[in-house]
Amino acid sequence: MQQWQEAAAEKGVEENFSGDPNYMASLARGLAVIQAFSAQRRLLSTSQISQRTGIPRAAVRRCLYTLAKLGFVDSEDGRHFALRPRILALGHAYLGSTPLARAGQPVLRHVSSSVNESSSIAILDGDDILYIARAFTSRIMTVDLDIGSRLPAVCTSMGRAMLSRLPAAELALLLDRARLVQHTQHTLIERPALEAELARVAEQGYAIIDQELEIGLRSIAVPIIGADGRAAAAINVGVQAARVSREDLLLRILPVLREAAAELALLAV
């Protein structure tokens, strides 16, 4: 998990956009500097950010100077930088304008109270899922997940629930570039096996991840279908594998999730 999160930050932004007159490289670099920080890397030096983003150190320094002037980052020793609370305003602007994020919280609280388990809503953002709402009953993962957290779509229940609704050509492109990482001995990393699993998810209308992302974690998700027939988001419940069986997921939790997804589909535009 932590290895994936750090690798995601090291993709870099120095793409070849030299032929695009509308592309603003300075903005792209500033956003990449912000995304270099994570729960595991709260304090970063200029050199560390440069290594993680592929941006030259001189450009990183200018980005940090500008972000500090705007109140988004700060440094106590002049060498190591950290994000400031004002950075939350960027995410809140999105969440405040998204009906699913606003209305999803009370629905999640109802789901969690009904099944006495933690639940989440996520959207598909590139090759990842992005959490937009969470309701906790207990912490079941070794890595803290909150609103704004990201995980690879291919090995998460919500990710597979949404991927299963993609057109074939779009799904093939995503799988071509996806990093199939062996998180546990149960993780599907063979392309044919993953494609077969996504076909099953599409047919049955739900996805179960059984200790593929982390040992001891089992989760079930259903897509939230928009008016265009695509998955606008997904909703899931995560449980401890030692305490909740796959059969219990299907008999006790799946009906609650399907009811919640149908309610939230009215907001999926």
C-alpha atoms as a PDB file:
ATOM      1  CA  MET A   1       0.000   0.000   0.000  1.00  0.00           C
ATOM      2  CA  GLN A   2       2.591   2.571   1.039  1.00  0.00           C
ATOM      3  CA  GLN A   3       4.848   1.544  -1.857  1.00  0.00           C
ATOM      4  CA  TRP A   4       2.023   2.142  -4.317  1.00  0.00           C
ATOM      5  CA  GLN A   5       1.190   5.556  -2.842  1.00  0.00           C
ATOM      6  CA  GLU A   6       4.809   6.661  -3.075  1.00  0.00           C
ATOM      7  CA  ALA A   7       5.209   5.313  -6.598  1.00  0.00           C
ATOM      8  CA  ALA A   8       2.115   7.216  -7.697  1.00  0.00           C
ATOM      9  CA  ALA A   9       3.746  10.450  -6.632  1.00  0.00           C
ATOM     10  CA  GLU A  10       6.854   9.703  -8.682  1.00  0.00           C
ATOM     11  CA  LYS A  11       5.199   9.538 -12.109  1.00  0.00           C
ATOM     12  CA  GLY A  12       6.360  13.051 -12.927  1.00  0.00           C
ATOM     13  CA  VAL A  13       4.812  15.812 -15.020  1.00  0.00           C
ATOM     14  CA  GLU A  14       7.543  16.469 -17.584  1.00  0.00           C
ATOM     15  CA  GLU A  15       5.419  15.205 -20.456  1.00  0.00           C
ATOM     16  CA  ASN A  16       6.002  16.355 -24.033  1.00  0.00           C
ATOM     17  CA  PHE A  17       3.465  19.141 -24.403  1.00  0.00           C
ATOM     18  CA  SER A  18       5.799  21.427 -26.306  1.00  0.00           C
ATOM     19  CA  GLY A  19       3.440  21.454 -29.265  1.00  0.00           C
ATOM     20  CA  ASP A  20       0.427  22.526 -27.237  1.00  0.00           C
ATOM     21  CA  PRO A  21       0.309  26.343 -26.896  1.00  0.00           C
ATOM     22  CA  ASN A  22      -2.486  26.138 -24.318  1.00  0.00           C
ATOM     23  CA  TYR A  23      -0.586  23.899 -21.902  1.00  0.00           C
ATOM     24  CA  MET A  24       0.647  25.826 -18.828  1.00  0.00           C
ATOM     25  CA  ALA A  25       3.708  23.960 -17.609  1.00  0.00           C
ATOM     26  CA  SER A  26       4.156  26.168 -14.534  1.00  0.00           C
ATOM     27  CA  LEU A  27       0.663  25.317 -13.291  1.00  0.00           C
ATOM     28  CA  ALA A  28       1.261  21.608 -13.910  1.00  0.00           C
ATOM     29  CA  ARG A  29       4.500  21.782 -11.944  1.00  0.00           C
ATOM     30  CA  GLY A  30       2.861  23.583  -9.028  1.00  0.00           C
ATOM     31  CA  LEU A  31       0.135  20.952  -8.805  1.00  0.00           C
ATOM     32  CA  ALA A  32       2.732  18.174  -8.990  1.00  0.00           C
ATOM     33  CA  VAL A  33       4.645  19.725  -6.088  1.00  0.00           C
ATOM     34  CA  ILE A  34       1.449  19.727  -4.002  1.00  0.00           C
ATOM     35  CA  GLN A  35       0.757  16.086  -4.858  1.00  0.00           C
ATOM     36  CA  ALA A  36       4.274  15.047  -3.852  1.00  0.00           C
ATOM     37  CA  PHE A  37       3.232  15.297  -0.192  1.00  0.00           C
ATOM     38  CA  SER A  38       1.450  12.351   1.413  1.00  0.00           C
ATOM     39  CA  ALA A  39       0.588  10.867   4.778  1.00  0.00           C
ATOM     40  CA  GLN A  40       3.948   9.061   4.699  1.00  0.00           C
ATOM     41  CA  ARG A  41       5.858  12.125   3.463  1.00  0.00           C
ATOM     42  CA  ARG A  42       4.496  15.132   5.360  1.00  0.00           C
ATOM     43  CA  LEU A  43       7.872  16.948   5.370  1.00  0.00           C
ATOM     44  CA  LEU A  44       9.843  17.170   2.132  1.00  0.00           C
ATOM     45  CA  SER A  45      12.948  19.027   1.027  1.00  0.00           C
ATOM     46  CA  THR A  46      13.406  20.642  -2.377  1.00  0.00           C
ATOM     47  CA  SER A  47      15.633  17.753  -3.471  1.00  0.00           C
ATOM     48  CA  GLN A  48      13.116  15.133  -2.343  1.00  0.00           C
ATOM     49  CA  ILE A  49      10.279  16.827  -4.214  1.00  0.00           C
ATOM     50  CA  SER A  50      12.462  17.063  -7.303  1.00  0.00           C
ATOM     51  CA  GLN A  51      13.204  13.337  -7.136  1.00  0.00           C
ATOM     52  CA  ARG A  52       9.549  12.425  -6.641  1.00  0.00           C
ATOM     53  CA  THR A  53       8.193  14.629  -9.438  1.00  0.00           C
ATOM     54  CA  GLY A  54      11.026  14.792 -11.966  1.00  0.00           C
ATOM     55  CA  ILE A  55      10.923  18.593 -11.815  1.00  0.00           C
ATOM     56  CA  PRO A  56      14.294  20.419 -11.664  1.00  0.00           C
ATOM     57  CA  ARG A  57      15.189  21.701  -8.211  1.00  0.00           C
ATOM     58  CA  ALA A  58      15.257  25.332  -9.346  1.00  0.00           C
ATOM     59  CA  ALA A  59      11.684  25.018 -10.585  1.00  0.00           C
ATOM     60  CA  VAL A  60      10.643  23.243  -7.379  1.00  0.00           C
ATOM     61  CA  ARG A  61      12.078  26.130  -5.348  1.00  0.00           C
ATOM     62  CA  ARG A  62      10.044  28.650  -7.346  1.00  0.00           C
ATOM     63  CA  CYS A  63       6.892  26.568  -6.900  1.00  0.00           C
ATOM     64  CA  LEU A  64       7.453  26.306  -3.152  1.00  0.00           C
ATOM     65  CA  TYR A  65       8.167  30.029  -2.880  1.00  0.00           C
ATOM     66  CA  THR A  66       4.893  30.837  -4.674  1.00  0.00           C
ATOM     67  CA  LEU A  67       2.876  28.286  -2.680  1.00  0.00           C
ATOM     68  CA  ALA A  68       4.333  29.664   0.565  1.00  0.00           C
ATOM     69  CA  LYS A  69       3.404  33.227  -0.416  1.00  0.00           C
ATOM     70  CA  LEU A  70      -0.160  32.018  -1.087  1.00  0.00           C
ATOM     71  CA  GLY A  71      -0.319  30.217   2.258  1.00  0.00           C
ATOM     72  CA  PHE A  72      -0.446  26.641   0.929  1.00  0.00           C
ATOM     73  CA  VAL A  73       2.936  25.432   2.264  1.00  0.00           C
ATOM     74  CA  ASP A  74       5.254  26.439   5.084  1.00  0.00           C
ATOM     75  CA  SER A  75       8.735  25.653   6.401  1.00  0.00           C
ATOM     76  CA  GLU A  76      10.020  25.944   9.960  1.00  0.00           C
ATOM     77  CA  ASP A  77      13.694  25.365   9.195  1.00  0.00           C
ATOM     78  CA  GLY A  78      13.868  26.788   5.668  1.00  0.00           C
ATOM     79  CA  ARG A  79      14.777  23.370   4.245  1.00  0.00           C
ATOM     80  CA  HIS A  80      11.811  21.074   4.798  1.00  0.00           C
ATOM     81  CA  PHE A  81       8.330  22.023   3.676  1.00  0.00           C
ATOM     82  CA  ALA A  82       4.859  20.878   4.696  1.00  0.00           C
ATOM     83  CA  LEU A  83       1.374  21.576   3.454  1.00  0.00           C
ATOM     84  CA  ARG A  84      -0.700  24.064   5.435  1.00  0.00           C
ATOM     85  CA  PRO A  85      -4.429  23.650   6.253  1.00  0.00           C
ATOM     86  CA  ARG A  86      -5.330  26.149   3.544  1.00  0.00           C
ATOM     87  CA  ILE A  87      -4.652  23.405   0.978  1.00  0.00           C
ATOM     88  CA  LEU A  88      -7.970  21.851   2.064  1.00  0.00           C
ATOM     89  CA  ALA A  89      -9.784  24.694   0.341  1.00  0.00           C
ATOM     90  CA  LEU A  90      -8.820  23.197  -3.025  1.00  0.00           C
ATOM     91  CA  GLY A  91     -10.487  19.892  -2.230  1.00  0.00           C
ATOM     92  CA  HIS A  92     -13.465  21.464  -0.505  1.00  0.00           C
ATOM     93  CA  ALA A  93     -14.214  23.503  -3.613  1.00  0.00           C
ATOM     94  CA  TYR A  94     -14.731  20.266  -5.524  1.00  0.00           C
ATOM     95  CA  LEU A  95     -16.539  18.394  -2.788  1.00  0.00           C
ATOM     96  CA  GLY A  96     -18.865  21.288  -2.119  1.00  0.00           C
ATOM     97  CA  SER A  97     -19.942  21.360  -5.760  1.00  0.00           C
ATOM     98  CA  THR A  98     -20.467  17.593  -6.108  1.00  0.00           C
ATOM     99  CA  PRO A  99     -23.976  16.349  -5.242  1.00  0.00           C
ATOM    100  CA  LEU A 100     -22.753  12.820  -4.517  1.00  0.00           C
ATOM    101  CA  ALA A 101     -20.194  14.087  -2.019  1.00  0.00           C
ATOM    102  CA  ARG A 102     -22.707  16.357  -0.272  1.00  0.00           C
ATOM    103  CA  ALA A 103     -25.592  13.894  -0.172  1.00  0.00           C
ATOM    104  CA  GLY A 104     -23.466  10.796   0.193  1.00  0.00           C
ATOM    105  CA  GLN A 105     -22.471  11.365   3.803  1.00  0.00           C
ATOM    106  CA  PRO A 106     -25.898  10.813   5.393  1.00  0.00           C
ATOM    107  CA  VAL A 107     -26.468   7.814   3.121  1.00  0.00           C
ATOM    108  CA  LEU A 108     -23.133   6.337   4.215  1.00  0.00           C
ATOM    109  CA  ARG A 109     -23.985   6.902   7.863  1.00  0.00           C
ATOM    110  CA  HIS A 110     -27.221   4.985   7.324  1.00  0.00           C
ATOM    111  CA  VAL A 111     -25.349   2.132   5.600  1.00  0.00           C
ATOM    112  CA  SER A 112     -22.736   1.947   8.347  1.00  0.00           C
ATOM    113  CA  SER A 113     -25.294   2.003  11.135  1.00  0.00           C
ATOM    114  CA  SER A 114     -27.362  -0.680   9.372  1.00  0.00           C
ATOM    115  CA  VAL A 115     -24.496  -3.150   8.972  1.00  0.00           C
ATOM    116  CA  ASN A 116     -22.198  -1.855  11.746  1.00  0.00           C
ATOM    117  CA  GLU A 117     -19.259  -1.552   9.347  1.00  0.00           C
ATOM    118  CA  SER A 118     -17.327   1.275   7.692  1.00  0.00           C
ATOM    119  CA  SER A 119     -18.459   2.404   4.243  1.00  0.00           C
ATOM    120  CA  SER A 120     -17.189   4.716   1.500  1.00  0.00           C
ATOM    121  CA  ILE A 121     -18.034   6.387  -1.790  1.00  0.00           C
ATOM    122  CA  ALA A 122     -15.398   6.883  -4.474  1.00  0.00           C
ATOM    123  CA  ILE A 123     -15.184   8.082  -8.047  1.00  0.00           C
ATOM    124  CA  LEU A 124     -12.872   6.899 -10.816  1.00  0.00           C
ATOM    125  CA  ASP A 125     -10.062   9.392 -11.420  1.00  0.00           C
ATOM    126  CA  GLY A 126      -7.697   8.201 -14.117  1.00  0.00           C
ATOM    127  CA  ASP A 127      -6.369   4.791 -13.070  1.00  0.00           C
ATOM    128  CA  ASP A 128      -7.247   5.352  -9.402  1.00  0.00           C
ATOM    129  CA  ILE A 129     -10.274   5.639  -7.187  1.00  0.00           C
ATOM    130  CA  LEU A 130     -10.682   8.878  -5.261  1.00  0.00           C
ATOM    131  CA  TYR A 131     -12.574   8.795  -1.960  1.00  0.00           C
ATOM    132  CA  ILE A 132     -15.220  11.536  -1.760  1.00  0.00           C
ATOM    133  CA  ALA A 133     -17.168  10.400   1.320  1.00  0.00           C
ATOM    134  CA  ARG A 134     -16.470   8.084   4.285  1.00  0.00           C
ATOM    135  CA  ALA A 135     -18.356   6.785   7.317  1.00  0.00           C
ATOM    136  CA  PHE A 136     -16.301   5.003   9.986  1.00  0.00           C
ATOM    137  CA  THR A 137     -17.190   2.451  12.599  1.00  0.00           C
ATOM    138  CA  SER A 138     -13.616   1.192  13.062  1.00  0.00           C
ATOM    139  CA  ARG A 139     -10.259   1.277  11.320  1.00  0.00           C
ATOM    140  CA  ILE A 140      -9.615  -1.923   9.386  1.00  0.00           C
ATOM    141  CA  MET A 141      -6.647  -0.972   7.175  1.00  0.00           C
ATOM    142  CA  THR A 142      -3.038  -0.326   8.136  1.00  0.00           C
ATOM    143  CA  VAL A 143      -3.073   2.850   6.009  1.00  0.00           C
ATOM    144  CA  ASP A 144      -5.412   5.678   6.990  1.00  0.00           C
ATOM    145  CA  LEU A 145      -7.954   6.455   4.285  1.00  0.00           C
ATOM    146  CA  ASP A 146     -10.012   9.618   4.280  1.00  0.00           C
ATOM    147  CA  ILE A 147     -11.721  11.936   1.840  1.00  0.00           C
ATOM    148  CA  GLY A 148      -9.237  12.677  -0.924  1.00  0.00           C
ATOM    149  CA  SER A 149      -7.316   9.412  -0.512  1.00  0.00           C
ATOM    150  CA  ARG A 150      -6.471   7.436  -3.643  1.00  0.00           C
ATOM    151  CA  LEU A 151      -5.979   3.734  -4.350  1.00  0.00           C
ATOM    152  CA  PRO A 152      -5.380   1.774  -7.576  1.00  0.00           C
ATOM    153  CA  ALA A 153      -8.700   0.950  -9.215  1.00  0.00           C
ATOM    154  CA  VAL A 154      -7.725  -2.517 -10.451  1.00  0.00           C
ATOM    155  CA  CYS A 155      -7.358  -4.039  -6.986  1.00  0.00           C
ATOM    156  CA  THR A 156     -10.168  -2.325  -5.059  1.00  0.00           C
ATOM    157  CA  SER A 157     -13.817  -3.324  -4.886  1.00  0.00           C
ATOM    158  CA  MET A 158     -15.077   0.147  -5.815  1.00  0.00           C
ATOM    159  CA  GLY A 159     -12.547   0.365  -8.617  1.00  0.00           C
ATOM    160  CA  ARG A 160     -13.618  -2.918 -10.149  1.00  0.00           C
ATOM    161  CA  ALA A 161     -17.292  -2.037  -9.751  1.00  0.00           C
ATOM    162  CA  MET A 162     -16.690   1.088 -11.851  1.00  0.00           C
ATOM    163  CA  LEU A 163     -14.238  -0.466 -14.300  1.00  0.00           C
ATOM    164  CA  SER A 164     -16.753  -3.194 -15.107  1.00  0.00           C
ATOM    165  CA  ARG A 165     -19.084  -0.537 -16.550  1.00  0.00           C
ATOM    166  CA  LEU A 166     -16.521   1.007 -18.908  1.00  0.00           C
ATOM    167  CA  PRO A 167     -16.781   0.493 -22.686  1.00  0.00           C
ATOM    168  CA  ALA A 168     -14.495  -2.323 -23.835  1.00  0.00           C
ATOM    169  CA  ALA A 169     -12.068  -0.061 -25.698  1.00  0.00           C
ATOM    170  CA  GLU A 170     -11.732   2.341 -22.761  1.00  0.00           C
ATOM    171  CA  LEU A 171     -11.195  -0.520 -20.321  1.00  0.00           C
ATOM    172  CA  ALA A 172      -8.530  -2.063 -22.553  1.00  0.00           C
ATOM    173  CA  LEU A 173      -6.575   1.203 -22.633  1.00  0.00           C
ATOM    174  CA  LEU A 174      -6.726   1.493 -18.851  1.00  0.00           C
ATOM    175  CA  LEU A 175      -5.529  -2.077 -18.366  1.00  0.00           C
ATOM    176  CA  ASP A 176      -2.710  -1.503 -20.864  1.00  0.00           C
ATOM    177  CA  ARG A 177      -1.225   1.212 -18.655  1.00  0.00           C
ATOM    178  CA  ALA A 178      -2.245  -0.140 -15.239  1.00  0.00           C
ATOM    179  CA  ARG A 179       0.466  -1.176 -12.782  1.00  0.00           C
ATOM    180  CA  LEU A 180      -0.488  -4.689 -11.670  1.00  0.00           C
ATOM    181  CA  VAL A 181       1.239  -4.922  -8.294  1.00  0.00           C
ATOM    182  CA  GLN A 182       1.327  -8.051  -6.121  1.00  0.00           C
ATOM    183  CA  HIS A 183       0.087  -6.496  -2.852  1.00  0.00           C
ATOM    184  CA  THR A 184      -0.642  -9.912  -1.304  1.00  0.00           C
ATOM    185  CA  GLN A 185      -0.559 -13.532  -2.442  1.00  0.00           C
ATOM    186  CA  HIS A 186      -4.239 -13.155  -3.378  1.00  0.00           C
ATOM    187  CA  THR A 187      -3.825 -10.171  -5.725  1.00  0.00           C
ATOM    188  CA  LEU A 188      -4.850 -10.740  -9.334  1.00  0.00           C
ATOM    189  CA  ILE A 189      -1.892  -9.623 -11.448  1.00  0.00           C
ATOM    190  CA  GLU A 190      -2.457 -11.657 -14.615  1.00  0.00           C
ATOM    191  CA  ARG A 191      -4.312  -9.680 -17.284  1.00  0.00           C
ATOM    192  CA  PRO A 192      -6.613 -12.561 -18.390  1.00  0.00           C
ATOM    193  CA  ALA A 193      -7.636 -13.326 -14.800  1.00  0.00           C
ATOM    194  CA  LEU A 194      -8.375  -9.658 -14.139  1.00  0.00           C
ATOM    195  CA  GLU A 195     -10.425  -9.334 -17.328  1.00  0.00           C
ATOM    196  CA  ALA A 196     -12.415 -12.450 -16.413  1.00  0.00           C
ATOM    197  CA  GLU A 197     -13.083 -11.056 -12.938  1.00  0.00           C
ATOM    198  CA  LEU A 198     -14.282  -7.723 -14.351  1.00  0.00           C
ATOM    199  CA  ALA A 199     -16.629  -9.609 -16.684  1.00  0.00           C
ATOM    200  CA  ARG A 200     -18.088 -11.429 -13.665  1.00  0.00           C
ATOM    201  CA  VAL A 201     -18.490  -8.141 -11.814  1.00  0.00           C
ATOM    202  CA  ALA A 202     -20.340  -6.648 -14.785  1.00  0.00           C
ATOM    203  CA  GLU A 203     -22.681  -9.645 -14.919  1.00  0.00           C
ATOM    204  CA  GLN A 204     -23.437  -9.888 -11.195  1.00  0.00           C
ATOM    205  CA  GLY A 205     -23.504  -6.150 -10.471  1.00  0.00           C
ATOM    206  CA  TYR A 206     -21.105  -6.146  -7.517  1.00  0.00           C
ATOM    207  CA  ALA A 207     -17.401  -6.625  -6.782  1.00  0.00           C
ATOM    208  CA  ILE A 208     -15.744  -8.404  -3.873  1.00  0.00           C
ATOM    209  CA  ILE A 209     -12.093  -7.937  -2.988  1.00  0.00           C
ATOM    210  CA  ASP A 210     -10.923 -10.720  -0.709  1.00  0.00           C
ATOM    211  CA  GLN A 211      -7.556  -9.808   0.836  1.00  0.00           C
ATOM    212  CA  GLU A 212      -6.085  -8.715  -2.508  1.00  0.00           C
ATOM    213  CA  LEU A 213      -5.102  -5.246  -1.320  1.00  0.00           C
ATOM    214  CA  GLU A 214      -4.258  -6.084   2.274  1.00  0.00           C
ATOM    215  CA  ILE A 215      -4.312  -9.303   4.288  1.00  0.00           C
ATOM    216  CA  GLY A 216      -7.296  -9.340   6.619  1.00  0.00           C
ATOM    217  CA  LEU A 217      -9.344  -6.884   4.543  1.00  0.00           C
ATOM    218  CA  ARG A 218     -12.459  -7.967   2.652  1.00  0.00           C
ATOM    219  CA  SER A 219     -14.792  -5.521   0.903  1.00  0.00           C
ATOM    220  CA  ILE A 220     -17.831  -5.435  -1.348  1.00  0.00           C
ATOM    221  CA  ALA A 221     -18.919  -2.613  -3.664  1.00  0.00           C
ATOM    222  CA  VAL A 222     -21.655  -1.764  -6.132  1.00  0.00           C
ATOM    223  CA  PRO A 223     -21.596   0.905  -8.831  1.00  0.00           C
ATOM    224  CA  ILE A 224     -23.703   4.057  -8.662  1.00  0.00           C
ATOM    225  CA  ILE A 225     -25.095   4.266 -12.187  1.00  0.00           C
ATOM    226  CA  GLY A 226     -25.619   7.625 -13.861  1.00  0.00           C
ATOM    227  CA  ALA A 227     -28.225   8.520 -16.480  1.00  0.00           C
ATOM    228  CA  ASP A 228     -25.776   7.605 -19.255  1.00  0.00           C
ATOM    229  CA  GLY A 229     -25.451   4.047 -17.984  1.00  0.00           C
ATOM    230  CA  ARG A 230     -21.872   4.511 -16.801  1.00  0.00           C
ATOM    231  CA  ALA A 231     -20.705   4.256 -13.220  1.00  0.00           C
ATOM    232  CA  ALA A 232     -20.601   7.780 -11.829  1.00  0.00           C
ATOM    233  CA  ALA A 233     -19.197   6.437  -8.559  1.00  0.00           C
ATOM    234  CA  ALA A 234     -19.252   3.348  -6.346  1.00  0.00           C
ATOM    235  CA  ILE A 235     -20.170   2.607  -2.753  1.00  0.00           C
ATOM    236  CA  ASN A 236     -18.592  -0.085  -0.612  1.00  0.00           C
ATOM    237  CA  VAL A 237     -18.379  -1.648   2.819  1.00  0.00           C
ATOM    238  CA  GLY A 238     -15.073  -2.916   4.191  1.00  0.00           C
ATOM    239  CA  VAL A 239     -14.822  -5.624   6.841  1.00  0.00           C
ATOM    240  CA  GLN A 240     -12.286  -7.720   8.695  1.00  0.00           C
ATOM    241  CA  ALA A 241     -11.976 -11.031   6.869  1.00  0.00           C
ATOM    242  CA  ALA A 242     -11.637 -12.992  10.108  1.00  0.00           C
ATOM    243  CA  ARG A 243     -14.950 -11.647  11.343  1.00  0.00           C
ATOM    244  CA  VAL A 244     -17.167 -11.387   8.249  1.00  0.00           C
ATOM    245  CA  SER A 245     -17.414 -14.125   5.605  1.00  0.00           C
ATOM    246  CA  ARG A 246     -18.047 -13.700   1.874  1.00  0.00           C
ATOM    247  CA  GLU A 247     -21.477 -15.249   2.396  1.00  0.00           C
ATOM    248  CA  ASP A 248     -22.295 -12.622   5.005  1.00  0.00           C
ATOM    249  CA  LEU A 249     -21.251  -9.912   2.579  1.00  0.00           C
ATOM    250  CA  LEU A 250     -23.753 -11.194   0.049  1.00  0.00           C
ATOM    251  CA  LEU A 251     -26.628 -11.950   2.390  1.00  0.00           C
ATOM    252  CA  ARG A 252     -26.419  -9.090   4.884  1.00  0.00           C
ATOM    253  CA  ILE A 253     -24.489  -6.232   3.289  1.00  0.00           C
ATOM    254  CA  LEU A 254     -25.115  -6.387  -0.473  1.00  0.00           C
ATOM    255  CA  PRO A 255     -28.869  -5.578  -0.218  1.00  0.00           C
ATOM    256  CA  VAL A 256     -28.102  -2.494   1.892  1.00  0.00           C
ATOM    257  CA  LEU A 257     -25.494  -1.325  -0.604  1.00  0.00           C
ATOM    258  CA  ARG A 258     -27.806  -1.814  -3.564  1.00  0.00           C
ATOM    259  CA  GLU A 259     -30.525   0.206  -1.856  1.00  0.00           C
ATOM    260  CA  ALA A 260     -28.064   3.015  -1.106  1.00  0.00           C
ATOM    261  CA  ALA A 261     -26.686   2.968  -4.660  1.00  0.00           C
ATOM    262  CA  ALA A 262     -30.194   3.264  -6.101  1.00  0.00           C
ATOM    263  CA  GLU A 263     -30.839   6.291  -3.884  1.00  0.00           C
ATOM    264  CA  LEU A 264     -27.567   7.956  -4.811  1.00  0.00           C
ATOM    265  CA  ALA A 265     -28.084   7.247  -8.532  1.00  0.00           C
ATOM    266  CA  LEU A 266     -30.721   9.998  -8.524  1.00  0.00           C
ATOM    267  CA  LEU A 267     -27.875  12.468  -7.904  1.00  0.00           C
ATOM    268  CA  ALA A 268     -25.408  10.961 -10.394  1.00  0.00           C
ATOM    269  CA  VAL A 269     -25.361  13.425 -13.267  1.00  0.00           C
END
